[in-house]
Amino acid sequence: MNSIDWNDTVKKEARGVNDYDLGEVQDFGPTYVHTQRGIATKEQFYIPKYLVEGYDGSTLWFNVAETQGPEFIRTSPPTDVDYRTKYRTATSRPDIESRIPVIAQRYSGNKRLAKQLLVKEMKDLLSAENQLVSAIPKMAAAANDPQLKQSFQNHLEQTRQHVQRLQQDRVYKCLTSPLRENHALV
């Protein structure tokens, strides 16, 4: 398994189980990783290196749940003996104090934000298609060439099918936000 030096994680994001925010890596000691979360109210975490799952190129991942987080909020570093005896296990990597395993990149974005963006984009797409359904007949009526009129009619049918497909899409049905036309194209 590939690994990197701890120095490569300073100023990188730290996350726990279920994308729990552990802040940004500040520094590290022999048995802990020091992270800081917050801007106005800063929380200092001293997380045992033995709880590291790996580094994915942008985020240092820990096996720390949100319920465990407060256990690691401290004002000063722990003693090495304290963390070694409490968190080091027989299954801990023998080189974890000096190296971090490199793991595949994970999705660490805000799931709710991603969903909101998806809903907005899909609503905008539906709105654009509905605006075309209204505009194409006017363009067809204004066209003088019979072939152009027919092209507009063909495109109108395709656009109506797009609207119908969007309204029946399984993705929309999976989202908790109901699908409604957004009248303003942004």
Protein backbone atom coordinates (compact mmCIF):
# COMPACT_ATOMS: atom_id res chain seq x y z
CA MET A 1 0.00 0.00 0.00
CA ASN A 2 1.30 3.46 -0.88
CA SER A 3 1.91 5.94 1.89
CA ILE A 4 3.02 9.54 2.37
CA ASP A 5 4.79 11.51 5.06
CA TRP A 6 2.76 13.38 7.68
CA ASN A 7 4.28 16.70 6.54
CA ASP A 8 2.25 16.40 3.33
CA THR A 9 -1.04 16.74 5.24
CA VAL A 10 -0.45 20.12 6.93
CA LYS A 11 -3.13 22.64 5.82
CA LYS A 12 -5.26 19.84 4.36
CA GLU A 13 -8.88 19.12 5.26
CA ALA A 14 -9.62 16.53 7.96
CA ARG A 15 -12.85 14.49 7.97
CA GLY A 16 -14.34 11.70 10.03
CA VAL A 17 -17.09 9.13 9.66
CA ASN A 18 -20.09 10.36 7.61
CA ASP A 19 -18.10 13.39 6.45
CA TYR A 20 -17.78 14.74 10.02
CA ASP A 21 -15.80 18.01 9.83
CA LEU A 22 -12.62 17.87 11.89
CA GLY A 23 -11.20 21.11 10.48
CA GLU A 24 -7.81 21.63 8.90
CA VAL A 25 -4.57 19.88 9.81
CA GLN A 26 -2.30 22.31 11.68
CA ASP A 27 0.55 20.06 12.76
CA PHE A 28 1.20 16.68 14.34
CA GLY A 29 3.14 14.97 17.08
CA PRO A 30 4.45 11.44 17.45
CA THR A 31 0.99 10.03 18.30
CA TYR A 32 -1.53 12.73 17.35
CA VAL A 33 -2.73 14.99 14.55
CA HIS A 34 -3.61 18.54 15.57
CA THR A 35 -6.54 20.02 13.61
CA GLN A 36 -8.42 23.27 13.97
CA ARG A 37 -12.06 23.87 13.09
CA GLY A 38 -13.87 27.20 12.92
CA ILE A 39 -13.01 30.82 12.25
CA ALA A 40 -14.48 32.94 15.03
CA THR A 41 -14.71 30.14 17.59
CA LYS A 42 -11.76 27.85 17.00
CA GLU A 43 -11.86 24.28 18.23
CA GLN A 44 -8.56 22.44 18.60
CA PHE A 45 -8.63 18.68 18.02
CA TYR A 46 -5.80 16.33 18.96
CA ILE A 47 -6.73 13.13 17.16
CA PRO A 48 -4.77 9.89 17.60
CA LYS A 49 -2.80 8.92 14.49
CA TYR A 50 -4.01 5.38 15.10
CA LEU A 51 -7.52 6.43 14.01
CA VAL A 52 -6.36 7.57 10.55
CA GLU A 53 -7.95 5.68 7.68
CA GLY A 54 -5.85 7.38 5.02
CA TYR A 55 -5.18 10.39 2.84
CA ASP A 56 -6.93 10.73 -0.55
CA GLY A 57 -4.90 13.57 -2.03
CA SER A 58 -6.96 16.38 -0.53
CA THR A 59 -8.51 15.08 2.70
CA LEU A 60 -7.13 13.22 5.70
CA TRP A 61 -9.79 10.70 6.76
CA PHE A 62 -10.22 9.47 10.33
CA ASN A 63 -12.31 6.72 11.87
CA VAL A 64 -13.90 9.30 14.21
CA ALA A 65 -17.67 9.69 14.51
CA GLU A 66 -19.32 12.97 15.45
CA THR A 67 -20.16 11.55 18.88
CA GLN A 68 -16.44 10.92 19.48
CA GLY A 69 -15.27 14.36 18.31
CA PRO A 70 -15.61 16.16 21.66
CA GLU A 71 -13.30 13.54 23.21
CA PHE A 72 -10.44 14.98 21.14
CA ILE A 73 -11.08 18.70 21.72
CA ARG A 74 -8.24 19.88 23.93
CA THR A 75 -6.22 22.98 24.70
CA SER A 76 -2.88 21.17 24.64
CA PRO A 77 -1.39 18.02 23.10
CA PRO A 78 -1.85 14.67 24.85
CA THR A 79 1.04 12.66 26.18
CA ASP A 80 2.41 10.10 23.76
CA VAL A 81 1.98 7.34 26.32
CA ASP A 82 -1.70 8.24 26.82
CA TYR A 83 -2.58 7.91 23.13
CA ARG A 84 -0.35 4.87 22.50
CA THR A 85 -1.89 2.87 25.33
CA LYS A 86 -5.47 3.97 24.66
CA TYR A 87 -5.67 3.88 20.83
CA ARG A 88 -2.85 1.76 19.40
CA THR A 89 -4.07 -1.76 18.68
CA ALA A 90 -2.61 -4.95 17.26
CA THR A 91 -4.17 -4.02 13.89
CA SER A 92 -2.61 -0.52 13.78
CA ARG A 93 -0.16 -0.01 10.93
CA PRO A 94 3.37 -0.41 12.31
CA ASP A 95 4.51 2.77 10.51
CA ILE A 96 1.42 4.92 11.28
CA GLU A 97 3.43 7.30 13.45
CA SER A 98 5.61 8.27 10.47
CA ARG A 99 3.56 7.46 7.33
CA ILE A 100 -0.07 7.74 6.18
CA PRO A 101 -1.73 5.26 3.82
CA VAL A 102 -2.90 6.73 0.52
CA ILE A 103 -6.50 5.79 -0.27
CA ALA A 104 -8.89 6.35 -3.19
CA GLN A 105 -10.50 9.78 -3.27
CA ARG A 106 -13.85 10.04 -1.54
CA TYR A 107 -16.73 12.40 -2.09
CA SER A 108 -16.45 14.89 0.76
CA GLY A 109 -18.80 17.57 -0.44
CA ASN A 110 -21.89 18.72 1.31
CA LYS A 111 -24.60 16.28 0.20
CA ARG A 112 -27.43 18.72 0.89
CA LEU A 113 -25.71 21.42 -1.18
CA ALA A 114 -25.12 18.98 -4.03
CA LYS A 115 -28.79 18.00 -3.95
CA GLN A 116 -29.88 21.65 -3.94
CA LEU A 117 -27.65 22.35 -6.95
CA LEU A 118 -29.03 19.33 -8.78
CA VAL A 119 -32.63 20.38 -8.09
CA LYS A 120 -31.89 23.95 -9.23
CA GLU A 121 -30.22 22.79 -12.44
CA MET A 122 -33.05 20.39 -13.25
CA LYS A 123 -35.68 23.07 -12.55
CA ASP A 124 -33.78 25.48 -14.79
CA LEU A 125 -33.64 22.86 -17.52
CA LEU A 126 -37.39 22.22 -17.25
CA SER A 127 -38.06 25.96 -17.30
CA ALA A 128 -35.96 26.39 -20.45
CA GLU A 129 -37.79 23.54 -22.18
CA ASN A 130 -41.18 24.97 -21.20
CA GLN A 131 -40.15 28.40 -22.49
CA LEU A 132 -39.24 26.76 -25.80
CA VAL A 133 -42.66 25.05 -25.91
CA SER A 134 -44.18 28.55 -25.69
CA ALA A 135 -41.76 30.23 -28.09
CA ILE A 136 -41.49 27.68 -30.91
CA PRO A 137 -45.11 28.05 -32.12
CA LYS A 138 -44.56 31.82 -32.40
CA MET A 139 -41.38 31.25 -34.39
CA ALA A 140 -43.20 28.76 -36.65
CA ALA A 141 -46.02 31.27 -37.23
CA ALA A 142 -43.50 33.96 -38.17
CA ALA A 143 -41.61 31.70 -40.60
CA ASN A 144 -42.32 32.19 -44.30
CA ASP A 145 -40.59 29.05 -45.58
CA PRO A 146 -42.72 25.85 -45.35
CA GLN A 147 -39.63 23.73 -44.58
CA LEU A 148 -38.68 26.06 -41.73
CA LYS A 149 -42.24 25.90 -40.36
CA GLN A 150 -42.06 22.08 -40.46
CA SER A 151 -38.65 22.12 -38.72
CA PHE A 152 -40.13 24.25 -35.95
CA GLN A 153 -43.08 21.82 -35.62
CA ASN A 154 -40.70 18.84 -35.42
CA HIS A 155 -38.59 20.62 -32.83
CA LEU A 156 -41.71 21.50 -30.84
CA GLU A 157 -42.64 17.81 -30.60
CA GLN A 158 -39.11 16.91 -29.47
CA THR A 159 -39.19 19.67 -26.86
CA ARG A 160 -42.55 18.48 -25.52
CA GLN A 161 -41.05 15.00 -25.18
CA HIS A 162 -38.09 16.51 -23.27
CA VAL A 163 -40.50 18.20 -20.85
CA GLN A 164 -42.41 14.95 -20.36
CA ARG A 165 -39.19 12.97 -19.76
CA LEU A 166 -37.93 15.53 -17.27
CA GLN A 167 -41.20 15.47 -15.35
CA GLN A 168 -41.17 11.67 -15.20
CA ASP A 169 -37.44 11.25 -14.48
CA ARG A 170 -36.65 8.91 -11.58
CA VAL A 171 -34.08 11.37 -10.23
CA TYR A 172 -36.86 13.91 -9.65
CA LYS A 173 -38.95 11.33 -7.88
CA CYS A 174 -36.04 10.46 -5.58
CA LEU A 175 -35.53 14.07 -4.55
CA THR A 176 -37.58 15.32 -1.64
CA SER A 177 -38.12 18.69 -3.27
CA PRO A 178 -41.14 18.59 -5.59
CA LEU A 179 -40.43 19.42 -9.22
CA ARG A 180 -42.02 22.67 -10.25
CA GLU A 181 -41.25 24.94 -13.12
CA ASN A 182 -38.87 27.75 -12.29
CA HIS A 183 -40.13 30.74 -14.29
CA ALA A 184 -36.89 32.66 -14.14
CA LEU A 185 -33.93 31.43 -16.11
CA VAL A 186 -30.77 32.35 -14.26
